[in-house]
N, C-alpha and C. Protein backbone atom coordinates (compact mmCIF):
# COMPACT_ATOMS: atom_id res chain seq x y z
N MET A 1 100.37 124.80 82.19
CA MET A 1 101.53 125.49 82.75
C MET A 1 101.91 124.80 84.07
N PRO A 2 103.19 124.44 84.28
CA PRO A 2 103.59 123.75 85.50
C PRO A 2 103.49 124.66 86.72
N HIS A 3 103.14 124.05 87.86
CA HIS A 3 103.09 124.79 89.11
C HIS A 3 104.51 125.06 89.58
N GLU A 4 104.68 126.17 90.28
CA GLU A 4 106.00 126.46 90.84
C GLU A 4 105.87 126.57 92.35
N THR A 5 106.95 126.21 93.04
CA THR A 5 106.97 126.33 94.50
C THR A 5 107.32 127.76 94.88
N ALA A 6 107.30 128.05 96.16
CA ALA A 6 107.57 129.40 96.66
C ALA A 6 108.96 129.89 96.25
N VAL A 7 109.92 128.98 96.10
CA VAL A 7 111.28 129.40 95.75
C VAL A 7 111.52 129.38 94.25
N GLY A 8 110.49 129.14 93.46
CA GLY A 8 110.61 129.19 92.02
C GLY A 8 110.93 127.88 91.34
N ALA A 9 111.17 126.82 92.09
CA ALA A 9 111.45 125.52 91.48
C ALA A 9 110.15 124.92 90.95
N GLU A 10 110.28 124.16 89.88
CA GLU A 10 109.11 123.53 89.31
C GLU A 10 108.60 122.43 90.23
N TYR A 11 107.28 122.37 90.41
CA TYR A 11 106.65 121.35 91.25
C TYR A 11 106.81 119.99 90.61
N ARG A 12 107.12 118.98 91.42
CA ARG A 12 107.20 117.60 90.95
C ARG A 12 106.22 116.78 91.77
N ARG A 13 105.25 116.22 91.10
CA ARG A 13 104.26 115.38 91.77
C ARG A 13 104.96 114.13 92.32
N PRO A 14 104.71 113.77 93.59
CA PRO A 14 105.39 112.60 94.15
C PRO A 14 104.89 111.29 93.52
N SER A 15 105.80 110.32 93.46
CA SER A 15 105.40 108.99 93.00
C SER A 15 104.47 108.41 94.06
N TRP A 16 103.81 107.29 93.75
CA TRP A 16 102.95 106.64 94.73
C TRP A 16 103.76 106.22 95.95
N ASP A 17 104.95 105.66 95.75
CA ASP A 17 105.77 105.26 96.89
C ASP A 17 106.14 106.46 97.76
N GLU A 18 106.51 107.57 97.13
CA GLU A 18 106.84 108.78 97.89
C GLU A 18 105.62 109.29 98.66
N TYR A 19 104.49 109.27 98.01
CA TYR A 19 103.24 109.73 98.62
C TYR A 19 102.89 108.90 99.86
N PHE A 20 102.90 107.55 99.71
CA PHE A 20 102.56 106.69 100.84
C PHE A 20 103.60 106.80 101.96
N MET A 21 104.86 107.02 101.61
CA MET A 21 105.89 107.19 102.64
C MET A 21 105.69 108.52 103.39
N GLU A 22 105.25 109.55 102.70
CA GLU A 22 104.94 110.82 103.38
C GLU A 22 103.77 110.63 104.35
N VAL A 23 102.77 109.87 103.94
CA VAL A 23 101.65 109.57 104.84
C VAL A 23 102.15 108.77 106.03
N CYS A 24 103.04 107.83 105.79
CA CYS A 24 103.64 107.02 106.85
C CYS A 24 104.33 107.92 107.87
N ASP A 25 105.07 108.92 107.39
CA ASP A 25 105.74 109.87 108.29
C ASP A 25 104.72 110.66 109.13
N ALA A 26 103.61 111.03 108.52
CA ALA A 26 102.56 111.74 109.26
C ALA A 26 101.94 110.84 110.33
N ILE A 27 101.69 109.59 109.99
CA ILE A 27 101.11 108.63 110.94
C ILE A 27 102.06 108.43 112.12
N ALA A 28 103.37 108.41 111.85
CA ALA A 28 104.38 108.21 112.90
C ALA A 28 104.32 109.29 113.99
N LYS A 29 103.77 110.44 113.69
CA LYS A 29 103.67 111.51 114.67
C LYS A 29 102.76 111.15 115.84
N ARG A 30 101.90 110.14 115.67
CA ARG A 30 101.02 109.67 116.75
C ARG A 30 101.71 108.63 117.64
N ALA A 31 102.89 108.14 117.26
CA ALA A 31 103.60 107.10 118.00
C ALA A 31 103.93 107.56 119.41
N THR A 32 103.94 106.61 120.34
CA THR A 32 104.13 106.95 121.76
C THR A 32 105.39 106.34 122.36
N CYS A 33 106.36 105.94 121.53
CA CYS A 33 107.65 105.45 122.00
C CYS A 33 108.72 106.19 121.21
N ASP A 34 109.54 106.98 121.91
CA ASP A 34 110.51 107.83 121.23
C ASP A 34 111.75 107.09 120.73
N ARG A 35 111.85 105.79 120.97
CA ARG A 35 113.00 105.02 120.46
C ARG A 35 112.88 104.75 118.97
N GLY A 36 111.72 104.83 118.44
CA GLY A 36 111.52 104.57 117.03
C GLY A 36 110.13 104.99 116.63
N ARG A 37 109.85 106.28 116.75
CA ARG A 37 108.51 106.77 116.40
C ARG A 37 108.20 106.35 114.97
N SER A 38 107.49 105.26 114.86
CA SER A 38 107.25 104.64 113.56
C SER A 38 105.78 104.68 113.18
N GLY A 39 105.56 104.75 111.89
CA GLY A 39 104.23 104.63 111.34
C GLY A 39 104.24 103.59 110.25
N CYS A 40 103.06 103.19 109.83
CA CYS A 40 102.92 102.17 108.80
C CYS A 40 101.68 102.47 107.96
N VAL A 41 101.81 102.27 106.67
CA VAL A 41 100.69 102.38 105.75
C VAL A 41 100.64 101.09 104.95
N ILE A 42 99.47 100.51 104.84
CA ILE A 42 99.27 99.36 103.95
C ILE A 42 98.34 99.83 102.84
N ALA A 43 98.82 99.69 101.60
CA ALA A 43 98.08 100.20 100.44
C ALA A 43 98.01 99.14 99.35
N LYS A 44 96.97 99.26 98.54
CA LYS A 44 96.80 98.37 97.40
C LYS A 44 96.08 99.14 96.30
N ASP A 45 96.51 98.94 95.07
CA ASP A 45 95.89 99.62 93.92
C ASP A 45 95.86 101.13 94.13
N ASN A 46 96.94 101.67 94.69
CA ASN A 46 97.10 103.11 94.93
C ASN A 46 96.06 103.69 95.89
N GLN A 47 95.55 102.85 96.78
CA GLN A 47 94.60 103.29 97.81
C GLN A 47 95.09 102.84 99.18
N ILE A 48 94.99 103.71 100.17
CA ILE A 48 95.35 103.36 101.54
C ILE A 48 94.26 102.45 102.10
N LEU A 49 94.67 101.30 102.62
CA LEU A 49 93.73 100.37 103.24
C LEU A 49 93.66 100.59 104.74
N VAL A 50 94.83 100.64 105.40
CA VAL A 50 94.91 100.84 106.86
C VAL A 50 96.24 101.50 107.21
N THR A 51 96.28 102.03 108.43
CA THR A 51 97.51 102.61 108.96
C THR A 51 97.72 102.10 110.39
N GLY A 52 98.91 102.30 110.89
CA GLY A 52 99.21 101.95 112.27
C GLY A 52 100.43 102.72 112.74
N TYR A 53 100.56 102.86 114.05
CA TYR A 53 101.75 103.51 114.61
C TYR A 53 102.15 102.77 115.88
N VAL A 54 103.37 103.02 116.33
CA VAL A 54 103.91 102.37 117.52
C VAL A 54 103.19 102.91 118.75
N GLY A 55 102.70 102.00 119.60
CA GLY A 55 102.05 102.41 120.84
C GLY A 55 101.72 101.21 121.69
N ALA A 56 101.46 101.46 122.95
CA ALA A 56 101.09 100.39 123.88
C ALA A 56 99.73 99.81 123.49
N PRO A 57 99.47 98.58 123.88
CA PRO A 57 98.14 98.02 123.64
C PRO A 57 97.06 98.91 124.27
N SER A 58 95.88 98.93 123.68
CA SER A 58 94.78 99.77 124.16
C SER A 58 94.58 99.63 125.66
N GLY A 59 94.53 100.78 126.33
CA GLY A 59 94.27 100.80 127.77
C GLY A 59 95.50 100.63 128.65
N LEU A 60 96.65 100.33 128.06
CA LEU A 60 97.88 100.17 128.84
C LEU A 60 98.73 101.42 128.71
N PRO A 61 99.63 101.66 129.69
CA PRO A 61 100.43 102.89 129.66
C PRO A 61 101.42 102.93 128.50
N HIS A 62 101.62 104.11 127.96
CA HIS A 62 102.54 104.34 126.86
C HIS A 62 103.93 104.70 127.38
N CYS A 63 104.95 104.44 126.57
CA CYS A 63 106.34 104.79 126.92
C CYS A 63 106.47 106.28 127.26
N ASP A 64 105.81 107.12 126.47
CA ASP A 64 105.91 108.56 126.70
C ASP A 64 105.40 108.94 128.09
N ASP A 65 104.52 108.12 128.68
CA ASP A 65 103.97 108.40 130.00
C ASP A 65 104.66 107.59 131.10
N ALA A 66 104.94 106.31 130.84
CA ALA A 66 105.44 105.40 131.89
C ALA A 66 106.91 105.04 131.73
N GLY A 67 107.54 105.45 130.65
CA GLY A 67 108.93 105.05 130.39
C GLY A 67 108.99 103.77 129.59
N HIS A 68 110.19 103.45 129.17
CA HIS A 68 110.40 102.26 128.34
C HIS A 68 110.42 101.00 129.20
N GLN A 69 110.06 99.89 128.59
CA GLN A 69 110.18 98.57 129.20
C GLN A 69 111.22 97.84 128.33
N LEU A 70 112.50 97.97 128.71
CA LEU A 70 113.59 97.48 127.87
C LEU A 70 114.00 96.06 128.22
N LYS A 71 114.26 95.28 127.19
CA LYS A 71 114.76 93.90 127.33
C LYS A 71 115.99 93.78 126.43
N LYS A 72 116.96 93.03 126.91
CA LYS A 72 118.16 92.77 126.11
C LYS A 72 118.04 91.41 125.45
N THR A 73 118.52 91.32 124.22
CA THR A 73 118.55 90.07 123.49
C THR A 73 120.00 89.73 123.18
N VAL A 74 120.41 88.52 123.52
CA VAL A 74 121.75 88.05 123.20
C VAL A 74 121.63 87.19 121.94
N HIS A 75 122.36 87.56 120.91
CA HIS A 75 122.29 86.86 119.63
C HIS A 75 123.35 85.76 119.54
N GLU A 76 123.18 84.87 118.55
CA GLU A 76 124.08 83.74 118.39
C GLU A 76 125.54 84.15 118.29
N ASP A 77 125.80 85.31 117.70
CA ASP A 77 127.18 85.76 117.54
C ASP A 77 127.71 86.50 118.77
N GLY A 78 126.89 86.56 119.83
CA GLY A 78 127.31 87.20 121.08
C GLY A 78 126.95 88.66 121.20
N THR A 79 126.47 89.27 120.12
CA THR A 79 126.08 90.68 120.22
C THR A 79 124.81 90.80 121.04
N VAL A 80 124.67 91.94 121.69
CA VAL A 80 123.51 92.21 122.53
C VAL A 80 122.79 93.44 121.99
N THR A 81 121.47 93.32 121.81
CA THR A 81 120.66 94.46 121.40
C THR A 81 119.59 94.71 122.46
N THR A 82 119.12 95.94 122.52
CA THR A 82 118.12 96.34 123.50
C THR A 82 116.83 96.69 122.77
N HIS A 83 115.71 96.17 123.27
CA HIS A 83 114.41 96.39 122.64
C HIS A 83 113.40 96.85 123.67
N CYS A 84 112.53 97.78 123.28
CA CYS A 84 111.42 98.19 124.13
C CYS A 84 110.26 97.26 123.83
N VAL A 85 109.75 96.59 124.86
CA VAL A 85 108.66 95.63 124.66
C VAL A 85 107.31 96.13 125.18
N ARG A 86 107.24 97.41 125.55
CA ARG A 86 105.96 97.98 126.01
C ARG A 86 105.00 98.22 124.85
N THR A 87 105.55 98.37 123.65
CA THR A 87 104.73 98.80 122.52
C THR A 87 104.40 97.68 121.54
N VAL A 88 103.34 97.92 120.80
CA VAL A 88 102.97 97.12 119.64
C VAL A 88 103.55 97.88 118.44
N HIS A 89 104.24 97.16 117.56
CA HIS A 89 104.87 97.82 116.43
C HIS A 89 103.84 98.36 115.45
N ALA A 90 104.25 99.37 114.68
CA ALA A 90 103.36 100.02 113.72
C ALA A 90 102.78 99.01 112.72
N GLU A 91 103.63 98.09 112.25
CA GLU A 91 103.18 97.08 111.29
C GLU A 91 102.12 96.17 111.93
N GLN A 92 102.35 95.77 113.17
CA GLN A 92 101.39 94.93 113.89
C GLN A 92 100.07 95.66 114.09
N ASN A 93 100.13 96.94 114.47
CA ASN A 93 98.91 97.71 114.66
C ASN A 93 98.13 97.87 113.36
N ALA A 94 98.83 98.08 112.25
CA ALA A 94 98.13 98.19 110.96
C ALA A 94 97.46 96.87 110.60
N ILE A 95 98.16 95.77 110.79
CA ILE A 95 97.58 94.45 110.49
C ILE A 95 96.37 94.19 111.40
N CYS A 96 96.48 94.57 112.67
CA CYS A 96 95.34 94.40 113.61
C CYS A 96 94.15 95.24 113.16
N GLN A 97 94.40 96.46 112.70
CA GLN A 97 93.30 97.31 112.23
C GLN A 97 92.59 96.67 111.03
N ALA A 98 93.38 96.09 110.13
CA ALA A 98 92.77 95.41 108.98
C ALA A 98 91.90 94.25 109.45
N ALA A 99 92.40 93.47 110.41
CA ALA A 99 91.64 92.32 110.93
C ALA A 99 90.36 92.79 111.62
N ARG A 100 90.47 93.83 112.44
CA ARG A 100 89.30 94.33 113.19
C ARG A 100 88.22 94.86 112.26
N ARG A 101 88.63 95.44 111.15
CA ARG A 101 87.68 96.08 110.24
C ARG A 101 87.31 95.20 109.04
N GLY A 102 87.88 93.99 108.99
CA GLY A 102 87.57 93.08 107.90
C GLY A 102 88.10 93.54 106.55
N ILE A 103 89.26 94.17 106.56
CA ILE A 103 89.85 94.69 105.32
C ILE A 103 90.91 93.71 104.83
N PRO A 104 90.70 93.11 103.67
CA PRO A 104 91.71 92.17 103.15
C PRO A 104 92.97 92.93 102.71
N ILE A 105 94.13 92.42 103.12
CA ILE A 105 95.41 93.07 102.77
C ILE A 105 96.30 92.17 101.92
N GLN A 106 95.79 91.01 101.53
CA GLN A 106 96.55 90.12 100.66
C GLN A 106 96.86 90.83 99.35
N GLY A 107 98.11 90.74 98.91
CA GLY A 107 98.53 91.37 97.67
C GLY A 107 98.90 92.84 97.81
N ALA A 108 98.90 93.36 99.05
CA ALA A 108 99.15 94.78 99.29
C ALA A 108 100.64 95.07 99.45
N THR A 109 100.96 96.37 99.51
CA THR A 109 102.30 96.87 99.82
C THR A 109 102.25 97.53 101.18
N LEU A 110 103.28 97.27 102.00
CA LEU A 110 103.38 97.86 103.33
C LEU A 110 104.53 98.87 103.31
N TYR A 111 104.27 100.08 103.82
CA TYR A 111 105.26 101.15 103.92
C TYR A 111 105.59 101.36 105.38
N CYS A 112 106.89 101.45 105.72
CA CYS A 112 107.28 101.58 107.12
C CYS A 112 108.61 102.34 107.25
N ARG A 113 108.94 102.69 108.47
CA ARG A 113 110.13 103.49 108.75
C ARG A 113 111.43 102.71 108.57
N MET A 114 111.46 101.46 109.05
CA MET A 114 112.67 100.64 108.92
C MET A 114 112.29 99.19 108.67
N THR A 115 113.26 98.37 108.30
CA THR A 115 112.99 96.96 108.04
C THR A 115 112.14 96.40 109.17
N PRO A 116 111.05 95.73 108.87
CA PRO A 116 110.25 95.13 109.94
C PRO A 116 111.08 94.12 110.74
N CYS A 117 110.80 94.04 112.03
CA CYS A 117 111.49 93.07 112.89
C CYS A 117 111.10 91.66 112.47
N ARG A 118 111.72 90.68 113.06
CA ARG A 118 111.47 89.27 112.73
C ARG A 118 109.99 88.89 112.91
N THR A 119 109.40 89.29 114.04
CA THR A 119 107.99 88.97 114.31
C THR A 119 107.08 89.65 113.29
N CYS A 120 107.32 90.92 113.03
CA CYS A 120 106.50 91.63 112.04
C CYS A 120 106.66 91.00 110.66
N ALA A 121 107.89 90.60 110.31
CA ALA A 121 108.12 89.96 109.01
C ALA A 121 107.29 88.70 108.87
N MET A 122 107.22 87.90 109.93
CA MET A 122 106.41 86.67 109.87
C MET A 122 104.95 86.99 109.67
N LEU A 123 104.44 88.02 110.37
CA LEU A 123 103.04 88.42 110.19
C LEU A 123 102.78 88.93 108.77
N ILE A 124 103.70 89.72 108.26
CA ILE A 124 103.57 90.27 106.91
C ILE A 124 103.50 89.14 105.89
N ILE A 125 104.36 88.15 106.04
CA ILE A 125 104.37 87.01 105.13
C ILE A 125 103.04 86.27 105.21
N ASN A 126 102.59 85.99 106.44
CA ASN A 126 101.34 85.22 106.59
C ASN A 126 100.10 85.98 106.15
N CYS A 127 100.15 87.30 106.13
CA CYS A 127 99.01 88.11 105.67
C CYS A 127 98.92 88.16 104.15
N GLY A 128 99.98 87.74 103.49
CA GLY A 128 99.97 87.78 102.02
C GLY A 128 100.39 89.11 101.45
N ILE A 129 101.02 89.96 102.26
CA ILE A 129 101.56 91.21 101.74
C ILE A 129 102.72 90.84 100.81
N VAL A 130 102.78 91.46 99.63
CA VAL A 130 103.74 91.03 98.62
C VAL A 130 104.94 91.96 98.47
N ARG A 131 104.86 93.16 99.08
CA ARG A 131 105.94 94.13 98.91
C ARG A 131 106.04 94.98 100.17
N VAL A 132 107.28 95.24 100.59
CA VAL A 132 107.54 96.11 101.73
C VAL A 132 108.49 97.21 101.28
N VAL A 133 108.13 98.47 101.55
CA VAL A 133 109.00 99.60 101.26
C VAL A 133 109.35 100.23 102.61
N ALA A 134 110.64 100.19 102.94
CA ALA A 134 111.13 100.75 104.22
C ALA A 134 112.03 101.94 103.94
N GLN A 135 111.91 102.96 104.78
CA GLN A 135 112.78 104.13 104.60
C GLN A 135 114.24 103.76 104.80
N ARG A 136 114.52 103.02 105.89
CA ARG A 136 115.90 102.67 106.21
C ARG A 136 115.98 101.24 106.73
N ARG A 137 117.18 100.76 106.87
CA ARG A 137 117.42 99.41 107.39
C ARG A 137 117.34 99.41 108.92
N TYR A 138 116.83 98.33 109.47
CA TYR A 138 116.85 98.07 110.91
C TYR A 138 118.20 97.44 111.23
N HIS A 139 118.79 97.79 112.38
CA HIS A 139 120.13 97.29 112.71
C HIS A 139 120.18 95.78 112.85
N ASP A 140 119.05 95.13 113.07
CA ASP A 140 118.99 93.67 113.25
C ASP A 140 118.08 93.07 112.17
N ALA A 141 118.34 93.43 110.92
CA ALA A 141 117.42 93.10 109.82
C ALA A 141 117.70 91.78 109.12
N ALA A 142 118.80 91.13 109.41
CA ALA A 142 119.22 89.95 108.63
C ALA A 142 118.15 88.86 108.57
N ASP A 143 117.55 88.51 109.71
CA ASP A 143 116.52 87.45 109.72
C ASP A 143 115.32 87.84 108.86
N SER A 144 114.87 89.07 109.01
CA SER A 144 113.69 89.53 108.24
C SER A 144 113.99 89.53 106.75
N GLU A 145 115.16 90.05 106.38
CA GLU A 145 115.52 90.09 104.96
C GLU A 145 115.58 88.67 104.38
N ALA A 146 116.14 87.72 105.13
CA ALA A 146 116.22 86.34 104.66
C ALA A 146 114.83 85.71 104.50
N MET A 147 113.96 85.95 105.48
CA MET A 147 112.60 85.39 105.40
C MET A 147 111.84 85.98 104.23
N PHE A 148 111.94 87.29 104.01
CA PHE A 148 111.26 87.92 102.88
C PHE A 148 111.75 87.31 101.56
N ARG A 149 113.08 87.12 101.44
CA ARG A 149 113.62 86.50 100.21
C ARG A 149 113.03 85.11 100.01
N GLN A 150 113.04 84.30 101.06
CA GLN A 150 112.50 82.93 100.96
C GLN A 150 111.03 82.91 100.60
N ALA A 151 110.27 83.84 101.17
CA ALA A 151 108.81 83.86 100.96
C ALA A 151 108.40 84.60 99.69
N GLY A 152 109.36 85.24 99.03
CA GLY A 152 109.05 85.96 97.81
C GLY A 152 108.43 87.33 98.03
N VAL A 153 108.62 87.90 99.23
CA VAL A 153 108.14 89.26 99.50
C VAL A 153 109.23 90.23 99.05
N LYS A 154 108.88 91.15 98.18
CA LYS A 154 109.84 92.12 97.65
C LYS A 154 110.10 93.19 98.71
N LEU A 155 111.37 93.40 99.08
CA LEU A 155 111.76 94.39 100.08
C LEU A 155 112.60 95.46 99.40
N GLU A 156 112.18 96.71 99.55
CA GLU A 156 112.90 97.84 98.94
C GLU A 156 113.19 98.88 100.01
N TYR A 157 114.34 99.55 99.87
CA TYR A 157 114.73 100.61 100.80
C TYR A 157 114.77 101.95 100.07
N VAL A 158 114.25 103.00 100.72
CA VAL A 158 114.34 104.34 100.17
C VAL A 158 115.77 104.83 100.31
N TYR A 159 116.37 104.63 101.51
CA TYR A 159 117.75 105.01 101.79
C TYR A 159 118.50 103.76 102.24
N ASN A 160 119.66 103.52 101.70
CA ASN A 160 120.43 102.33 102.04
C ASN A 160 121.34 102.62 103.24
N GLU A 161 120.70 102.93 104.37
CA GLU A 161 121.45 103.20 105.61
C GLU A 161 120.63 102.68 106.78
N VAL A 162 121.30 102.48 107.91
CA VAL A 162 120.65 101.94 109.11
C VAL A 162 120.00 103.07 109.90
N GLU A 163 118.76 102.85 110.32
CA GLU A 163 118.05 103.80 111.20
C GLU A 163 118.77 103.82 112.54
N ARG A 164 119.04 104.99 113.08
CA ARG A 164 119.73 105.13 114.36
C ARG A 164 118.79 105.71 115.41
N TYR A 165 118.84 105.16 116.62
CA TYR A 165 118.08 105.69 117.74
C TYR A 165 118.79 105.31 119.03
N GLU A 166 118.38 105.93 120.14
CA GLU A 166 119.03 105.77 121.44
C GLU A 166 118.89 104.34 121.96
N ASP A 167 119.92 103.85 122.67
CA ASP A 167 119.93 102.51 123.30
C ASP A 167 119.68 101.41 122.28
N GLN A 168 120.28 101.52 121.12
CA GLN A 168 120.09 100.54 120.06
C GLN A 168 120.73 99.23 120.48
């Protein structure tokens, strides 16, 4: 007999992608930069290998305590974007956790809040991660998307819209 929810709708078991993305959202609650409270899950064979969230390097002050450390980037087309450089990205922290614990992530899938930035994309490619599932697009995703295509990393979006946050 199927389970029913409190409102009487039939329960639907989440897919693996939905499940790992829900875990990613839970991990993001530990993030310490409010510009993009992000989490990351790296999974393989339907098992979580490591997680990471946005935060300052160990022992250094967090944005939530010390404020943002913002830098502007001027792009080739003249557009200017603002980035907080106080934090280590969720994807970077997850990859670091795998390295620290000796957990191989080659062939894995990475789940994250938005398209990984250019630096994270390069790390993901070099780690041998084969698939990235992002909830939304990053406003400056073109370089990452192009690199993933060239490297053969499959990139999928849950929602085909750009993630919005303050001082983008």
